[in-house]
Amino acid sequence: EEARCPNIGKCFSAGEATFLILGKNCTRSCTFCNVGRGSP
């Protein structure tokens, strides 16, 4: 969800998910990524 993965329909429909631990904000600024930025 946080990275807006194009395969979310496939994975969620199969009952699967990839867990994102340690919050949803990143301390770096990779330009390809949709994960949030700011104070974690």
Full PDB file with SEQRES, HELIX, SHEET, SSBOND, CRYST1, ORIGX, SCALE, CONECT and MASTER records, all heavy atoms in Angstrom:
SEQRES   1 A   40  GLU GLU ALA ARG CYS PRO ASN ILE GLY LYS CYS PHE SER          
SEQRES   2 A   40  ALA GLY GLU ALA THR PHE LEU ILE LEU GLY LYS ASN CYS          
SEQRES   3 A   40  THR ARG SER CYS THR PHE CYS ASN VAL GLY ARG GLY SER          
SEQRES   4 A   40  PRO                                                          
HELIX    1 AA1 ILE A    8  SER A   13  1                                   6    
SHEET    1 AA1 2 ASN A  25  CYS A  26  0                                        
SHEET    2 AA1 2 GLY A  36  ARG A  37  1                                        
CRYST1    1.000    1.000    1.000  90.00  90.00  90.00 P 1           1          
ORIGX1      1.000000  0.000000  0.000000        0.00000                         
ORIGX2      0.000000  1.000000  0.000000        0.00000                         
ORIGX3      0.000000  0.000000  1.000000        0.00000                         
SCALE1      1.000000  0.000000  0.000000        0.00000                         
SCALE2      0.000000  1.000000  0.000000        0.00000                         
SCALE3      0.000000  0.000000  1.000000        0.00000                         
ATOM      1  N   GLU A   1       0.816  -1.208   0.000  1.00  0.00           N  
ATOM      2  CA  GLU A   1       0.000   0.000   0.000  1.00  0.00           C  
ATOM      3  C   GLU A   1       0.855   1.266   0.000  1.00  0.00           C  
ATOM      4  O   GLU A   1       0.605   2.191  -0.774  1.00  0.00           O  
ATOM      5  CB  GLU A   1      -0.916  -0.009   1.229  1.00  0.00           C  
ATOM      6  CG  GLU A   1      -1.957  -1.120   1.200  1.00  0.00           C  
ATOM      7  CD  GLU A   1      -2.751  -1.204   2.490  1.00  0.00           C  
ATOM      8  OE1 GLU A   1      -2.133  -1.333   3.564  1.00  0.00           O  
ATOM      9  OE2 GLU A   1      -3.991  -1.141   2.419  1.00  0.00           O  
ATOM     10  N   GLU A   2       1.859   1.311   0.863  1.00  0.00           N  
ATOM     11  CA  GLU A   2       2.645   2.545   1.013  1.00  0.00           C  
ATOM     12  C   GLU A   2       3.456   2.856  -0.238  1.00  0.00           C  
ATOM     13  O   GLU A   2       3.643   4.025  -0.596  1.00  0.00           O  
ATOM     14  CB  GLU A   2       3.571   2.443   2.235  1.00  0.00           C  
ATOM     15  CG  GLU A   2       2.854   2.193   3.545  1.00  0.00           C  
ATOM     16  CD  GLU A   2       1.821   3.258   3.877  1.00  0.00           C  
ATOM     17  OE1 GLU A   2       2.009   4.425   3.474  1.00  0.00           O  
ATOM     18  OE2 GLU A   2       0.823   2.930   4.540  1.00  0.00           O  
ATOM     19  N   ALA A   3       3.965   1.835  -0.920  1.00  0.00           N  
ATOM     20  CA  ALA A   3       4.764   2.046  -2.129  1.00  0.00           C  
ATOM     21  C   ALA A   3       3.920   2.011  -3.396  1.00  0.00           C  
ATOM     22  O   ALA A   3       4.455   2.137  -4.500  1.00  0.00           O  
ATOM     23  CB  ALA A   3       5.877   1.006  -2.221  1.00  0.00           C  
ATOM     24  N   ARG A   4       2.611   1.798  -3.234  1.00  0.00           N  
ATOM     25  CA  ARG A   4       1.686   1.710  -4.372  1.00  0.00           C  
ATOM     26  C   ARG A   4       2.173   0.661  -5.382  1.00  0.00           C  
ATOM     27  O   ARG A   4       2.286   0.918  -6.574  1.00  0.00           O  
ATOM     28  CB  ARG A   4       1.519   3.071  -5.043  1.00  0.00           C  
ATOM     29  CG  ARG A   4       0.944   4.132  -4.111  1.00  0.00           C  
ATOM     30  CD  ARG A   4       0.571   5.401  -4.838  1.00  0.00           C  
ATOM     31  NE  ARG A   4      -0.551   5.193  -5.748  1.00  0.00           N  
ATOM     32  CZ  ARG A   4      -1.064   6.144  -6.525  1.00  0.00           C  
ATOM     33  NH1 ARG A   4      -0.535   7.351  -6.516  1.00  0.00           N  
ATOM     34  NH2 ARG A   4      -2.081   5.880  -7.318  1.00  0.00           N  
ATOM     35  N   CYS A   5       2.424  -0.520  -4.878  1.00  0.00           N  
ATOM     36  CA  CYS A   5       2.915  -1.605  -5.721  1.00  0.00           C  
ATOM     37  C   CYS A   5       1.869  -1.986  -6.766  1.00  0.00           C  
ATOM     38  O   CYS A   5       0.684  -2.144  -6.443  1.00  0.00           O  
ATOM     39  CB  CYS A   5       3.257  -2.820  -4.858  1.00  0.00           C  
ATOM     40  SG  CYS A   5       3.824  -4.240  -5.823  1.00  0.00           S  
ATOM     41  N   PRO A   6       2.272  -2.167  -8.018  1.00  0.00           N  
ATOM     42  CA  PRO A   6       1.298  -2.521  -9.059  1.00  0.00           C  
ATOM     43  C   PRO A   6       0.713  -3.915  -8.887  1.00  0.00           C  
ATOM     44  O   PRO A   6      -0.308  -4.236  -9.492  1.00  0.00           O  
ATOM     45  CB  PRO A   6       2.124  -2.433 -10.353  1.00  0.00           C  
ATOM     46  CG  PRO A   6       3.534  -2.662  -9.920  1.00  0.00           C  
ATOM     47  CD  PRO A   6       3.642  -2.021  -8.567  1.00  0.00           C  
ATOM     48  N   ASN A   7       1.347  -4.752  -8.050  1.00  0.00           N  
ATOM     49  CA  ASN A   7       0.869  -6.115  -7.865  1.00  0.00           C  
ATOM     50  C   ASN A   7      -0.039  -6.276  -6.651  1.00  0.00           C  
ATOM     51  O   ASN A   7      -0.354  -7.402  -6.270  1.00  0.00           O  
ATOM     52  CB  ASN A   7       2.069  -7.062  -7.714  1.00  0.00           C  
ATOM     53  CG  ASN A   7       2.948  -7.062  -8.941  1.00  0.00           C  
ATOM     54  OD1 ASN A   7       2.479  -7.233 -10.052  1.00  0.00           O  
ATOM     55  ND2 ASN A   7       4.238  -6.840  -8.748  1.00  0.00           N  
ATOM     56  N   ILE A   8      -0.471  -5.172  -6.065  1.00  0.00           N  
ATOM     57  CA  ILE A   8      -1.277  -5.274  -4.862  1.00  0.00           C  
ATOM     58  C   ILE A   8      -2.560  -6.070  -5.109  1.00  0.00           C  
ATOM     59  O   ILE A   8      -2.997  -6.840  -4.248  1.00  0.00           O  
ATOM     60  CB  ILE A   8      -1.596  -3.868  -4.290  1.00  0.00           C  
ATOM     61  CG1 ILE A   8      -2.309  -3.985  -2.936  1.00  0.00           C  
ATOM     62  CG2 ILE A   8      -2.399  -3.029  -5.279  1.00  0.00           C  
ATOM     63  CD1 ILE A   8      -2.468  -2.669  -2.213  1.00  0.00           C  
ATOM     64  N   GLY A   9      -3.146  -5.927  -6.290  1.00  0.00           N  
ATOM     65  CA  GLY A   9      -4.355  -6.680  -6.604  1.00  0.00           C  
ATOM     66  C   GLY A   9      -4.100  -8.172  -6.598  1.00  0.00           C  
ATOM     67  O   GLY A   9      -4.868  -8.947  -6.012  1.00  0.00           O  
ATOM     68  N   LYS A  10      -3.004  -8.577  -7.194  1.00  0.00           N  
ATOM     69  CA  LYS A  10      -2.657 -10.002  -7.251  1.00  0.00           C  
ATOM     70  C   LYS A  10      -2.376 -10.549  -5.861  1.00  0.00           C  
ATOM     71  O   LYS A  10      -2.888 -11.614  -5.480  1.00  0.00           O  
ATOM     72  CB  LYS A  10      -1.445 -10.215  -8.161  1.00  0.00           C  
ATOM     73  CG  LYS A  10      -0.951 -11.653  -8.185  1.00  0.00           C  
ATOM     74  CD  LYS A  10       0.271 -11.826  -9.083  1.00  0.00           C  
ATOM     75  CE  LYS A  10       0.757 -13.269  -9.045  1.00  0.00           C  
ATOM     76  NZ  LYS A  10       1.941 -13.487  -9.909  1.00  0.00           N  
ATOM     77  N   CYS A  11      -1.553  -9.844  -5.099  1.00  0.00           N  
ATOM     78  CA  CYS A  11      -1.121 -10.357  -3.800  1.00  0.00           C  
ATOM     79  C   CYS A  11      -2.250 -10.348  -2.777  1.00  0.00           C  
ATOM     80  O   CYS A  11      -2.476 -11.339  -2.085  1.00  0.00           O  
ATOM     81  CB  CYS A  11       0.076  -9.554  -3.291  1.00  0.00           C  
ATOM     82  SG  CYS A  11       1.555  -9.752  -4.322  1.00  0.00           S  
ATOM     83  N   PHE A  12      -2.976  -9.233  -2.671  1.00  0.00           N  
ATOM     84  CA  PHE A  12      -4.064  -9.176  -1.707  1.00  0.00           C  
ATOM     85  C   PHE A  12      -5.157 -10.184  -2.064  1.00  0.00           C  
ATOM     86  O   PHE A  12      -5.757 -10.793  -1.183  1.00  0.00           O  
ATOM     87  CB  PHE A  12      -4.643  -7.762  -1.640  1.00  0.00           C  
ATOM     88  CG  PHE A  12      -3.902  -6.833  -0.702  1.00  0.00           C  
ATOM     89  CD1 PHE A  12      -2.585  -7.084  -0.347  1.00  0.00           C  
ATOM     90  CD2 PHE A  12      -4.522  -5.712  -0.186  1.00  0.00           C  
ATOM     91  CE1 PHE A  12      -1.893  -6.239   0.512  1.00  0.00           C  
ATOM     92  CE2 PHE A  12      -3.852  -4.859   0.677  1.00  0.00           C  
ATOM     93  CZ  PHE A  12      -2.540  -5.118   1.029  1.00  0.00           C  
ATOM     94  N   SER A  13      -5.412 -10.364  -3.354  1.00  0.00           N  
ATOM     95  CA  SER A  13      -6.428 -11.333  -3.775  1.00  0.00           C  
ATOM     96  C   SER A  13      -6.029 -12.756  -3.406  1.00  0.00           C  
ATOM     97  O   SER A  13      -6.888 -13.627  -3.198  1.00  0.00           O  
ATOM     98  CB  SER A  13      -6.665 -11.239  -5.288  1.00  0.00           C  
ATOM     99  OG  SER A  13      -7.206  -9.983  -5.630  1.00  0.00           O  
ATOM    100  N   ALA A  14      -4.705 -12.991  -3.321  1.00  0.00           N  
ATOM    101  CA  ALA A  14      -4.204 -14.305  -2.912  1.00  0.00           C  
ATOM    102  C   ALA A  14      -4.060 -14.409  -1.395  1.00  0.00           C  
ATOM    103  O   ALA A  14      -3.573 -15.428  -0.887  1.00  0.00           O  
ATOM    104  CB  ALA A  14      -2.856 -14.573  -3.580  1.00  0.00           C  
ATOM    105  N   GLY A  15      -4.451 -13.357  -0.677  1.00  0.00           N  
ATOM    106  CA  GLY A  15      -4.352 -13.373   0.782  1.00  0.00           C  
ATOM    107  C   GLY A  15      -2.956 -13.125   1.291  1.00  0.00           C  
ATOM    108  O   GLY A  15      -2.612 -13.537   2.405  1.00  0.00           O  
ATOM    109  N   GLU A  16      -2.115 -12.440   0.496  1.00  0.00           N  
ATOM    110  CA  GLU A  16      -0.718 -12.211   0.853  1.00  0.00           C  
ATOM    111  C   GLU A  16      -0.430 -10.718   0.990  1.00  0.00           C  
ATOM    112  O   GLU A  16      -1.134  -9.879   0.410  1.00  0.00           O  
ATOM    113  CB  GLU A  16       0.212 -12.803  -0.219  1.00  0.00           C  
ATOM    114  CG  GLU A  16       0.007 -14.299  -0.434  1.00  0.00           C  
ATOM    115  CD  GLU A  16       0.733 -14.797  -1.671  1.00  0.00           C  
ATOM    116  OE1 GLU A  16       1.239 -13.966  -2.448  1.00  0.00           O  
ATOM    117  OE2 GLU A  16       0.770 -16.027  -1.865  1.00  0.00           O  
ATOM    118  N   ALA A  17       0.627 -10.394   1.743  1.00  0.00           N  
ATOM    119  CA  ALA A  17       1.052  -9.004   1.900  1.00  0.00           C  
ATOM    120  C   ALA A  17       2.497  -8.985   2.378  1.00  0.00           C  
ATOM    121  O   ALA A  17       2.979  -9.953   2.977  1.00  0.00           O  
ATOM    122  CB  ALA A  17       0.162  -8.266   2.904  1.00  0.00           C  
ATOM    123  N   THR A  18       3.196  -7.888   2.095  1.00  0.00           N  
ATOM    124  CA  THR A  18       4.565  -7.698   2.574  1.00  0.00           C  
ATOM    125  C   THR A  18       4.545  -6.646   3.675  1.00  0.00           C  
ATOM    126  O   THR A  18       4.175  -5.493   3.440  1.00  0.00           O  
ATOM    127  CB  THR A  18       5.496  -7.247   1.430  1.00  0.00           C  
ATOM    128  OG1 THR A  18       5.572  -8.298   0.454  1.00  0.00           O  
ATOM    129  CG2 THR A  18       6.884  -6.943   1.944  1.00  0.00           C  
ATOM    130  N   PHE A  19       4.941  -7.040   4.876  1.00  0.00           N  
ATOM    131  CA  PHE A  19       4.847  -6.168   6.036  1.00  0.00           C  
ATOM    132  C   PHE A  19       5.930  -5.084   6.012  1.00  0.00           C  
ATOM    133  O   PHE A  19       7.097  -5.365   5.719  1.00  0.00           O  
ATOM    134  CB  PHE A  19       4.979  -6.985   7.322  1.00  0.00           C  
ATOM    135  CG  PHE A  19       3.843  -7.939   7.535  1.00  0.00           C  
ATOM    136  CD1 PHE A  19       3.968  -9.272   7.183  1.00  0.00           C  
ATOM    137  CD2 PHE A  19       2.643  -7.509   8.077  1.00  0.00           C  
ATOM    138  CE1 PHE A  19       2.930 -10.161   7.376  1.00  0.00           C  
ATOM    139  CE2 PHE A  19       1.588  -8.389   8.270  1.00  0.00           C  
ATOM    140  CZ  PHE A  19       1.726  -9.720   7.919  1.00  0.00           C  
ATOM    141  N   LEU A  20       5.521  -3.873   6.345  1.00  0.00           N  
ATOM    142  CA  LEU A  20       6.432  -2.735   6.446  1.00  0.00           C  
ATOM    143  C   LEU A  20       6.526  -2.362   7.926  1.00  0.00           C  
ATOM    144  O   LEU A  20       5.596  -1.771   8.487  1.00  0.00           O  
ATOM    145  CB  LEU A  20       5.902  -1.558   5.627  1.00  0.00           C  
ATOM    146  CG  LEU A  20       6.802  -0.328   5.513  1.00  0.00           C  
ATOM    147  CD1 LEU A  20       7.984  -0.610   4.579  1.00  0.00           C  
ATOM    148  CD2 LEU A  20       6.010   0.875   4.997  1.00  0.00           C  
ATOM    149  N   ILE A  21       7.644  -2.724   8.557  1.00  0.00           N  
ATOM    150  CA  ILE A  21       7.815  -2.456   9.980  1.00  0.00           C  
ATOM    151  C   ILE A  21       8.539  -1.125  10.187  1.00  0.00           C  
ATOM    152  O   ILE A  21       8.967  -0.487   9.236  1.00  0.00           O  
ATOM    153  CB  ILE A  21       8.572  -3.610  10.674  1.00  0.00           C  
ATOM    154  CG1 ILE A  21      10.013  -3.731  10.135  1.00  0.00           C  
ATOM    155  CG2 ILE A  21       7.824  -4.916  10.508  1.00  0.00           C  
ATOM    156  CD1 ILE A  21      10.881  -4.726  10.914  1.00  0.00           C  
ATOM    157  N   LEU A  22       8.648  -0.705  11.436  1.00  0.00           N  
ATOM    158  CA  LEU A  22       9.381   0.508  11.805  1.00  0.00           C  
ATOM    159  C   LEU A  22       8.734   1.786  11.268  1.00  0.00           C  
ATOM    160  O   LEU A  22       9.418   2.768  10.963  1.00  0.00           O  
ATOM    161  CB  LEU A  22      10.844   0.420  11.342  1.00  0.00           C  
ATOM    162  CG  LEU A  22      11.713  -0.587  12.107  1.00  0.00           C  
ATOM    163  CD1 LEU A  22      12.979  -0.918  11.317  1.00  0.00           C  
ATOM    164  CD2 LEU A  22      12.074  -0.047  13.475  1.00  0.00           C  
ATOM    165  N   GLY A  23       7.413   1.761  11.109  1.00  0.00           N  
ATOM    166  CA  GLY A  23       6.718   2.956  10.654  1.00  0.00           C  
ATOM    167  C   GLY A  23       6.642   3.056   9.149  1.00  0.00           C  
ATOM    168  O   GLY A  23       7.131   2.187   8.425  1.00  0.00           O  
ATOM    169  N   LYS A  24       6.042   4.155   8.671  1.00  0.00           N  
ATOM    170  CA  LYS A  24       5.855   4.318   7.232  1.00  0.00           C  
ATOM    171  C   LYS A  24       6.544   5.557   6.686  1.00  0.00           C  
ATOM    172  O   LYS A  24       6.259   5.980   5.565  1.00  0.00           O  
ATOM    173  CB  LYS A  24       4.374   4.340   6.882  1.00  0.00           C  
ATOM    174  CG  LYS A  24       3.565   5.436   7.559  1.00  0.00           C  
ATOM    175  CD  LYS A  24       2.114   5.355   7.118  1.00  0.00           C  
ATOM    176  CE  LYS A  24       1.292   6.488   7.713  1.00  0.00           C  
ATOM    177  NZ  LYS A  24      -0.106   6.440   7.245  1.00  0.00           N  
ATOM    178  N   ASN A  25       7.454   6.144   7.452  1.00  0.00           N  
ATOM    179  CA  ASN A  25       8.235   7.285   6.970  1.00  0.00           C  
ATOM    180  C   ASN A  25       9.707   6.927   6.903  1.00  0.00           C  
ATOM    181  O   ASN A  25      10.256   6.305   7.819  1.00  0.00           O  
ATOM    182  CB  ASN A  25       8.047   8.506   7.877  1.00  0.00           C  
ATOM    183  CG  ASN A  25       6.745   9.219   7.612  1.00  0.00           C  
ATOM    184  OD1 ASN A  25       6.122   9.018   6.574  1.00  0.00           O  
ATOM    185  ND2 ASN A  25       6.321  10.044   8.540  1.00  0.00           N  
ATOM    186  N   CYS A  26      10.343   7.344   5.814  1.00  0.00           N  
ATOM    187  CA  CYS A  26      11.742   7.020   5.546  1.00  0.00           C  
ATOM    188  C   CYS A  26      12.615   8.251   5.776  1.00  0.00           C  
ATOM    189  O   CYS A  26      12.188   9.382   5.568  1.00  0.00           O  
ATOM    190  CB  CYS A  26      11.877   6.544   4.096  1.00  0.00           C  
ATOM    191  SG  CYS A  26      13.527   5.950   3.660  1.00  0.00           S  
ATOM    192  N   THR A  27      13.862   8.021   6.202  1.00  0.00           N  
ATOM    193  CA  THR A  27      14.773   9.131   6.447  1.00  0.00           C  
ATOM    194  C   THR A  27      15.588   9.499   5.209  1.00  0.00           C  
ATOM    195  O   THR A  27      16.408  10.417   5.268  1.00  0.00           O  
ATOM    196  CB  THR A  27      15.737   8.798   7.601  1.00  0.00           C  
ATOM    197  OG1 THR A  27      16.402   7.558   7.321  1.00  0.00           O  
ATOM    198  CG2 THR A  27      14.980   8.677   8.909  1.00  0.00           C  
ATOM    199  N   ARG A  28      15.396   8.786   4.109  1.00  0.00           N  
ATOM    200  CA  ARG A  28      16.081   9.132   2.861  1.00  0.00           C  
ATOM    201  C   ARG A  28      15.062   9.600   1.824  1.00  0.00           C  
ATOM    202  O   ARG A  28      13.858   9.599   2.082  1.00  0.00           O  
ATOM    203  CB  ARG A  28      16.919   7.964   2.346  1.00  0.00           C  
ATOM    204  CG  ARG A  28      18.034   7.592   3.322  1.00  0.00           C  
ATOM    205  CD  ARG A  28      19.046   6.668   2.736  1.00  0.00           C  
ATOM    206  NE  ARG A  28      19.850   6.067   3.792  1.00  0.00           N  
ATOM    207  CZ  ARG A  28      20.685   5.059   3.621  1.00  0.00           C  
ATOM    208  NH1 ARG A  28      20.838   4.526   2.402  1.00  0.00           N  
ATOM    209  NH2 ARG A  28      21.374   4.565   4.638  1.00  0.00           N  
ATOM    210  N   SER A  29      15.554   9.988   0.664  1.00  0.00           N  
ATOM    211  CA  SER A  29      14.682  10.594  -0.349  1.00  0.00           C  
ATOM    212  C   SER A  29      14.904   9.974  -1.723  1.00  0.00           C  
ATOM    213  O   SER A  29      15.171  10.672  -2.700  1.00  0.00           O  
ATOM    214  CB  SER A  29      14.924  12.111  -0.413  1.00  0.00           C  
ATOM    215  OG  SER A  29      14.670  12.713   0.821  1.00  0.00           O  
ATOM    216  N   CYS A  30      14.827   8.652  -1.804  1.00  0.00           N  
ATOM    217  CA  CYS A  30      14.961   7.986  -3.098  1.00  0.00           C  
ATOM    218  C   CYS A  30      13.835   8.455  -4.017  1.00  0.00           C  
ATOM    219  O   CYS A  30      12.662   8.445  -3.627  1.00  0.00           O  
ATOM    220  CB  CYS A  30      14.907   6.475  -2.927  1.00  0.00           C  
ATOM    221  SG  CYS A  30      16.261   5.804  -1.932  1.00  0.00           S  
ATOM    222  N   THR A  31      14.184   8.846  -5.216  1.00  0.00           N  
ATOM    223  CA  THR A  31      13.196   9.470  -6.098  1.00  0.00           C  
ATOM    224  C   THR A  31      12.203   8.479  -6.693  1.00  0.00           C  
ATOM    225  O   THR A  31      11.152   8.886  -7.198  1.00  0.00           O  
ATOM    226  CB  THR A  31      13.891  10.218  -7.249  1.00  0.00           C  
ATOM    227  OG1 THR A  31      14.698   9.295  -7.991  1.00  0.00           O  
ATOM    228  CG2 THR A  31      14.763  11.343  -6.713  1.00  0.00           C  
ATOM    229  N   PHE A  32      12.502   7.188  -6.646  1.00  0.00           N  
ATOM    230  CA  PHE A  32      11.613   6.196  -7.252  1.00  0.00           C  
ATOM    231  C   PHE A  32      10.513   5.743  -6.297  1.00  0.00           C  
ATOM    232  O   PHE A  32       9.551   5.106  -6.718  1.00  0.00           O  
ATOM    233  CB  PHE A  32      12.417   4.963  -7.688  1.00  0.00           C  
ATOM    234  CG  PHE A  32      13.027   4.188  -6.549  1.00  0.00           C  
ATOM    235  CD1 PHE A  32      12.308   3.202  -5.889  1.00  0.00           C  
ATOM    236  CD2 PHE A  32      14.321   4.456  -6.128  1.00  0.00           C  
ATOM    237  CE1 PHE A  32      12.865   2.498  -4.833  1.00  0.00           C  
ATOM    238  CE2 PHE A  32      14.891   3.755  -5.081  1.00  0.00           C  
ATOM    239  CZ  PHE A  32      14.165   2.775  -4.433  1.00  0.00           C  
ATOM    240  N   CYS A  33      10.637   6.063  -5.017  1.00  0.00           N  
ATOM    241  CA  CYS A  33       9.848   5.407  -3.978  1.00  0.00           C  
ATOM    242  C   CYS A  33       8.693   6.276  -3.496  1.00  0.00           C  
ATOM    243  O   CYS A  33       8.828   7.497  -3.370  1.00  0.00           O  
ATOM    244  CB  CYS A  33      10.763   5.048  -2.816  1.00  0.00           C  
ATOM    245  SG  CYS A  33       9.948   4.088  -1.526  1.00  0.00           S  
ATOM    246  N   ASN A  34       7.576   5.638  -3.179  1.00  0.00           N  
ATOM    247  CA  ASN A  34       6.400   6.353  -2.700  1.00  0.00           C  
ATOM    248  C   ASN A  34       6.234   6.273  -1.182  1.00  0.00           C  
ATOM    249  O   ASN A  34       5.312   6.852  -0.629  1.00  0.00           O  
ATOM    250  CB  ASN A  34       5.137   5.789  -3.364  1.00  0.00           C  
ATOM    251  CG  ASN A  34       3.938   6.697  -3.177  1.00  0.00           C  
ATOM    252  OD1 ASN A  34       3.940   7.824  -3.659  1.00  0.00           O  
ATOM    253  ND2 ASN A  34       2.919   6.219  -2.483  1.00  0.00           N  
ATOM    254  N   VAL A  35       7.140   5.544  -0.493  1.00  0.00           N  
ATOM    255  CA  VAL A  35       7.063   5.478   0.958  1.00  0.00           C  
ATOM    256  C   VAL A  35       7.250   6.887   1.520  1.00  0.00           C  
ATOM    257  O   VAL A  35       8.048   7.678   1.012  1.00  0.00           O  
ATOM    258  CB  VAL A  35       8.133   4.519   1.513  1.00  0.00           C  
ATOM    259  CG1 VAL A  35       8.229   4.613   3.031  1.00  0.00           C  
ATOM    260  CG2 VAL A  35       7.796   3.082   1.104  1.00  0.00           C  
ATOM    261  N   GLY A  36       6.510   7.219   2.578  1.00  0.00           N  
ATOM    262  CA  GLY A  36       6.496   8.571   3.113  1.00  0.00           C  
ATOM    263  C   GLY A  36       7.843   9.063   3.599  1.00  0.00           C  
ATOM    264  O   GLY A  36       8.746   8.275   3.928  1.00  0.00           O  
ATOM    265  N   ARG A  37       7.988  10.372   3.653  1.00  0.00           N  
ATOM    266  CA  ARG A  37       9.200  11.003   4.167  1.00  0.00           C  
ATOM    267  C   ARG A  37       8.818  11.920   5.318  1.00  0.00           C  
ATOM    268  O   ARG A  37       7.672  12.310   5.463  1.00  0.00           O  
ATOM    269  CB  ARG A  37       9.894  11.799   3.060  1.00  0.00           C  
ATOM    270  CG  ARG A  37      10.405  10.882   1.952  1.00  0.00           C  
ATOM    271  CD  ARG A  37      10.688  11.629   0.674  1.00  0.00           C  
ATOM    272  NE  ARG A  37      10.913  10.707  -0.427  1.00  0.00           N  
ATOM    273  CZ  ARG A  37      10.841  11.015  -1.698  1.00  0.00           C  
ATOM    274  NH1 ARG A  37      10.527  12.245  -2.052  1.00  0.00           N  
ATOM    275  NH2 ARG A  37      11.063  10.117  -2.630  1.00  0.00           N  
ATOM    276  N   GLY A  38       9.813  12.284   6.083  1.00  0.00           N  
ATOM    277  CA  GLY A  38       9.542  13.145   7.224  1.00  0.00           C  
ATOM    278  C   GLY A  38      10.050  12.516   8.497  1.00  0.00           C  
ATOM    279  O   GLY A  38      10.852  11.576   8.470  1.00  0.00           O  
ATOM    280  N   SER A  39       9.612  13.025   9.628  1.00  0.00           N  
ATOM    281  CA  SER A  39      10.070  12.535  10.930  1.00  0.00           C  
ATOM    282  C   SER A  39       9.391  11.205  11.247  1.00  0.00           C  
ATOM    283  O   SER A  39       8.177  11.159  11.451  1.00  0.00           O  
ATOM    284  CB  SER A  39       9.759  13.554  12.014  1.00  0.00           C  
ATOM    285  OG  SER A  39      10.428  14.775  11.760  1.00  0.00           O  
ATOM    286  N   PRO A  40      10.157  10.117  11.299  1.00  0.00           N  
ATOM    287  CA  PRO A  40       9.535   8.817  11.582  1.00  0.00           C  
ATOM    288  C   PRO A  40       9.086   8.731  13.038  1.00  0.00           C  
ATOM    289  O   PRO A  40       9.662   9.360  13.931  1.00  0.00           O  
ATOM    290  CB  PRO A  40      10.662   7.818  11.297  1.00  0.00           C  
ATOM    291  CG  PRO A  40      11.721   8.584  10.572  1.00  0.00           C  
ATOM    292  CD  PRO A  40      11.594   9.992  11.032  1.00  0.00           C  
TER     293      PRO A  40                                                      
MASTER        0    0    0    1    2    0    0    6  292    1    0    4          
END                                                                             
